[in-house]
Amino acid sequence: MARGGFKVNKSALTAEFNKIRDFAELEAKSFTNDIADDAIRFSINFVDTGAYITSFSFSTGSGRPRGVTSRRKQRNQPAGQKAAEGRDLLAGDIAELNFETLQNLKLRNGSPHAEVVEENLQKKVFKRLGIKYGWYN
């Protein structure tokens, strides 16, 4: 009985793995952008000074999150303008990510009043994100 076999072309196999890696990176970026869009969308209806909506950040470690205080800021800021500013900041965070080596990614809000917005004002932005993306039980 003859034994069959074939030789794998290493460069063709490498090219296929690169395609898979590139596809996975595009999907990860798309997913991260969806989360950023929703964080802004869930926050836009209660913009006052813009401090909360511009304090979202993506982080890969234990560094300090972006945090803007509302103290001494003018109230009744244009929600659309502050939302665009917040989304631009998140886009900058995403652009700096290396999805090939990424081990951990967190969406954070470093505004000093983030807990008040989340709990006391019943805005629950992170809870809503968690429900939508399956992080919250």
C-alpha atoms as a PDB file:
ATOM      1  CA  MET A   1       0.000   0.000   0.000  1.00  0.00           C
ATOM      2  CA  ALA A   2       1.446   3.345  -1.055  1.00  0.00           C
ATOM      3  CA  ARG A   3       1.702   6.162   1.386  1.00  0.00           C
ATOM      4  CA  GLY A   4       0.485   9.526   0.193  1.00  0.00           C
ATOM      5  CA  GLY A   5       1.543  12.971   1.206  1.00  0.00           C
ATOM      6  CA  PHE A   6       2.239  16.422  -0.009  1.00  0.00           C
ATOM      7  CA  LYS A   7       4.626  19.191   0.759  1.00  0.00           C
ATOM      8  CA  VAL A   8       3.227  22.408   2.209  1.00  0.00           C
ATOM      9  CA  ASN A   9       4.408  25.585   0.589  1.00  0.00           C
ATOM     10  CA  LYS A  10       5.657  27.593   3.567  1.00  0.00           C
ATOM     11  CA  SER A  11       5.178  30.996   1.928  1.00  0.00           C
ATOM     12  CA  ALA A  12       1.578  30.134   0.950  1.00  0.00           C
ATOM     13  CA  LEU A  13       0.852  28.981   4.496  1.00  0.00           C
ATOM     14  CA  THR A  14       2.416  32.143   5.944  1.00  0.00           C
ATOM     15  CA  ALA A  15       0.307  34.254   3.572  1.00  0.00           C
ATOM     16  CA  GLU A  16      -2.851  32.496   4.774  1.00  0.00           C
ATOM     17  CA  PHE A  17      -1.935  33.060   8.430  1.00  0.00           C
ATOM     18  CA  ASN A  18      -1.280  36.736   7.652  1.00  0.00           C
ATOM     19  CA  LYS A  19      -4.734  37.036   6.065  1.00  0.00           C
ATOM     20  CA  ILE A  20      -6.302  35.496   9.170  1.00  0.00           C
ATOM     21  CA  ARG A  21      -4.324  37.822  11.445  1.00  0.00           C
ATOM     22  CA  ASP A  22      -5.291  40.871   9.374  1.00  0.00           C
ATOM     23  CA  PHE A  23      -8.955  39.845   9.407  1.00  0.00           C
ATOM     24  CA  ALA A  24      -8.882  39.304  13.188  1.00  0.00           C
ATOM     25  CA  GLU A  25      -7.264  42.722  13.671  1.00  0.00           C
ATOM     26  CA  LEU A  26      -9.915  44.424  11.538  1.00  0.00           C
ATOM     27  CA  GLU A  27     -12.660  42.689  13.511  1.00  0.00           C
ATOM     28  CA  ALA A  28     -11.066  43.675  16.836  1.00  0.00           C
ATOM     29  CA  LYS A  29     -10.766  47.311  15.705  1.00  0.00           C
ATOM     30  CA  SER A  30     -14.361  47.295  14.495  1.00  0.00           C
ATOM     31  CA  PHE A  31     -15.561  45.834  17.805  1.00  0.00           C
ATOM     32  CA  THR A  32     -13.554  48.414  19.766  1.00  0.00           C
ATOM     33  CA  ASN A  33     -14.986  51.219  17.624  1.00  0.00           C
ATOM     34  CA  ASP A  34     -18.516  49.895  18.232  1.00  0.00           C
ATOM     35  CA  ILE A  35     -17.908  50.050  21.985  1.00  0.00           C
ATOM     36  CA  ALA A  36     -16.578  53.614  21.663  1.00  0.00           C
ATOM     37  CA  ASP A  37     -19.592  54.667  19.585  1.00  0.00           C
ATOM     38  CA  ASP A  38     -21.996  53.210  22.129  1.00  0.00           C
ATOM     39  CA  ALA A  39     -20.228  54.778  25.113  1.00  0.00           C
ATOM     40  CA  ILE A  40     -20.653  58.172  23.471  1.00  0.00           C
ATOM     41  CA  ARG A  41     -24.212  57.454  22.309  1.00  0.00           C
ATOM     42  CA  PHE A  42     -25.275  56.302  25.786  1.00  0.00           C
ATOM     43  CA  SER A  43     -23.777  59.490  27.287  1.00  0.00           C
ATOM     44  CA  ILE A  44     -24.842  62.221  24.876  1.00  0.00           C
ATOM     45  CA  ASN A  45     -28.301  62.844  26.344  1.00  0.00           C
ATOM     46  CA  PHE A  46     -26.945  64.128  29.632  1.00  0.00           C
ATOM     47  CA  VAL A  47     -24.016  66.301  28.559  1.00  0.00           C
ATOM     48  CA  ASP A  48     -23.739  69.356  30.769  1.00  0.00           C
ATOM     49  CA  THR A  49     -20.121  70.546  30.977  1.00  0.00           C
ATOM     50  CA  GLY A  50     -18.804  67.798  28.699  1.00  0.00           C
ATOM     51  CA  ALA A  51     -16.409  66.524  31.356  1.00  0.00           C
ATOM     52  CA  TYR A  52     -17.883  63.012  31.584  1.00  0.00           C
ATOM     53  CA  ILE A  53     -18.247  62.358  27.856  1.00  0.00           C
ATOM     54  CA  THR A  54     -14.666  63.525  27.165  1.00  0.00           C
ATOM     55  CA  SER A  55     -13.207  61.418  29.992  1.00  0.00           C
ATOM     56  CA  PHE A  56     -13.631  58.015  28.364  1.00  0.00           C
ATOM     57  CA  SER A  57     -10.395  56.277  27.475  1.00  0.00           C
ATOM     58  CA  PHE A  58      -9.148  52.884  26.399  1.00  0.00           C
ATOM     59  CA  SER A  59      -6.226  51.596  28.408  1.00  0.00           C
ATOM     60  CA  THR A  60      -4.099  48.484  28.188  1.00  0.00           C
ATOM     61  CA  GLY A  61      -2.632  48.572  31.655  1.00  0.00           C
ATOM     62  CA  SER A  62      -2.824  50.214  35.002  1.00  0.00           C
ATOM     63  CA  GLY A  63      -2.019  53.736  33.816  1.00  0.00           C
ATOM     64  CA  ARG A  64      -4.108  56.723  34.744  1.00  0.00           C
ATOM     65  CA  PRO A  65      -7.355  57.036  32.763  1.00  0.00           C
ATOM     66  CA  ARG A  66      -8.284  60.240  30.995  1.00  0.00           C
ATOM     67  CA  GLY A  67     -10.152  62.417  33.447  1.00  0.00           C
ATOM     68  CA  VAL A  68     -11.702  65.829  33.046  1.00  0.00           C
ATOM     69  CA  THR A  69     -13.267  67.632  35.970  1.00  0.00           C
ATOM     70  CA  SER A  70     -16.483  69.574  35.639  1.00  0.00           C
ATOM     71  CA  ARG A  71     -15.338  72.072  38.264  1.00  0.00           C
ATOM     72  CA  ARG A  72     -15.279  75.625  36.886  1.00  0.00           C
ATOM     73  CA  LYS A  73     -16.510  74.501  33.466  1.00  0.00           C
ATOM     74  CA  GLN A  74     -19.314  76.289  31.708  1.00  0.00           C
ATOM     75  CA  ARG A  75     -22.593  74.379  31.875  1.00  0.00           C
ATOM     76  CA  ASN A  76     -25.036  73.627  29.053  1.00  0.00           C
ATOM     77  CA  GLN A  77     -22.343  72.824  26.520  1.00  0.00           C
ATOM     78  CA  PRO A  78     -23.459  71.669  23.050  1.00  0.00           C
ATOM     79  CA  ALA A  79     -23.929  67.915  23.381  1.00  0.00           C
ATOM     80  CA  GLY A  80     -23.024  67.112  19.771  1.00  0.00           C
ATOM     81  CA  GLN A  81     -19.784  69.056  19.955  1.00  0.00           C
ATOM     82  CA  LYS A  82     -18.732  67.390  23.231  1.00  0.00           C
ATOM     83  CA  ALA A  83     -19.745  63.970  21.894  1.00  0.00           C
ATOM     84  CA  ALA A  84     -17.568  64.499  18.805  1.00  0.00           C
ATOM     85  CA  GLU A  85     -14.693  65.618  21.005  1.00  0.00           C
ATOM     86  CA  GLY A  86     -15.058  62.533  23.214  1.00  0.00           C
ATOM     87  CA  ARG A  87     -15.293  60.200  20.210  1.00  0.00           C
ATOM     88  CA  ASP A  88     -12.190  61.785  18.650  1.00  0.00           C
ATOM     89  CA  LEU A  89     -10.264  61.116  21.862  1.00  0.00           C
ATOM     90  CA  LEU A  90     -11.348  57.464  21.800  1.00  0.00           C
ATOM     91  CA  ALA A  91     -10.405  57.207  18.119  1.00  0.00           C
ATOM     92  CA  GLY A  92      -6.927  58.409  19.073  1.00  0.00           C
ATOM     93  CA  ASP A  93      -6.712  55.721  21.741  1.00  0.00           C
ATOM     94  CA  ILE A  94      -7.772  53.044  19.259  1.00  0.00           C
ATOM     95  CA  ALA A  95      -5.259  54.254  16.665  1.00  0.00           C
ATOM     96  CA  GLU A  96      -2.449  53.752  19.187  1.00  0.00           C
ATOM     97  CA  LEU A  97      -3.406  50.146  20.024  1.00  0.00           C
ATOM     98  CA  ASN A  98      -1.306  47.276  18.752  1.00  0.00           C
ATOM     99  CA  PHE A  99      -3.887  44.541  18.309  1.00  0.00           C
ATOM    100  CA  GLU A 100      -1.201  41.929  17.555  1.00  0.00           C
ATOM    101  CA  THR A 101       0.239  42.131  21.056  1.00  0.00           C
ATOM    102  CA  LEU A 102      -2.810  43.349  22.966  1.00  0.00           C
ATOM    103  CA  GLN A 103      -3.477  41.281  26.081  1.00  0.00           C
ATOM    104  CA  ASN A 104      -5.944  43.444  27.977  1.00  0.00           C
ATOM    105  CA  LEU A 105      -8.102  46.401  27.037  1.00  0.00           C
ATOM    106  CA  LYS A 106     -10.324  48.458  29.331  1.00  0.00           C
ATOM    107  CA  LEU A 107     -12.767  51.236  28.643  1.00  0.00           C
ATOM    108  CA  ARG A 108     -12.569  53.639  31.552  1.00  0.00           C
ATOM    109  CA  ASN A 109     -13.961  56.980  32.554  1.00  0.00           C
ATOM    110  CA  GLY A 110     -11.609  58.954  34.766  1.00  0.00           C
ATOM    111  CA  SER A 111     -13.910  61.880  35.392  1.00  0.00           C
ATOM    112  CA  PRO A 112     -13.977  62.653  39.122  1.00  0.00           C
ATOM    113  CA  HIS A 113     -17.775  62.478  39.013  1.00  0.00           C
ATOM    114  CA  ALA A 114     -18.042  59.278  36.936  1.00  0.00           C
ATOM    115  CA  GLU A 115     -19.450  57.296  39.884  1.00  0.00           C
ATOM    116  CA  VAL A 116     -22.092  59.939  40.487  1.00  0.00           C
ATOM    117  CA  VAL A 117     -23.126  59.852  36.833  1.00  0.00           C
ATOM    118  CA  GLU A 118     -23.176  56.060  36.810  1.00  0.00           C
ATOM    119  CA  GLU A 119     -24.967  55.412  40.106  1.00  0.00           C
ATOM    120  CA  ASN A 120     -26.571  58.469  41.673  1.00  0.00           C
ATOM    121  CA  LEU A 121     -27.856  59.967  38.438  1.00  0.00           C
ATOM    122  CA  GLN A 122     -28.965  56.513  37.211  1.00  0.00           C
ATOM    123  CA  LYS A 123     -27.271  56.933  33.842  1.00  0.00           C
ATOM    124  CA  LYS A 124     -25.671  53.458  34.007  1.00  0.00           C
ATOM    125  CA  VAL A 125     -23.528  53.885  30.881  1.00  0.00           C
ATOM    126  CA  PHE A 126     -21.167  51.053  31.821  1.00  0.00           C
ATOM    127  CA  LYS A 127     -24.030  48.793  32.854  1.00  0.00           C
ATOM    128  CA  ARG A 128     -25.714  49.362  29.487  1.00  0.00           C
ATOM    129  CA  LEU A 129     -22.439  48.638  27.684  1.00  0.00           C
ATOM    130  CA  GLY A 130     -22.012  45.512  29.772  1.00  0.00           C
ATOM    131  CA  ILE A 131     -25.481  44.280  28.938  1.00  0.00           C
ATOM    132  CA  LYS A 132     -25.025  44.950  25.223  1.00  0.00           C
ATOM    133  CA  TYR A 133     -21.599  43.312  24.989  1.00  0.00           C
ATOM    134  CA  GLY A 134     -22.196  40.472  27.443  1.00  0.00           C
ATOM    135  CA  TRP A 135     -19.942  41.631  30.301  1.00  0.00           C
ATOM    136  CA  TYR A 136     -22.754  42.105  32.780  1.00  0.00           C
ATOM    137  CA  ASN A 137     -24.703  39.259  34.339  1.00  0.00           C
END
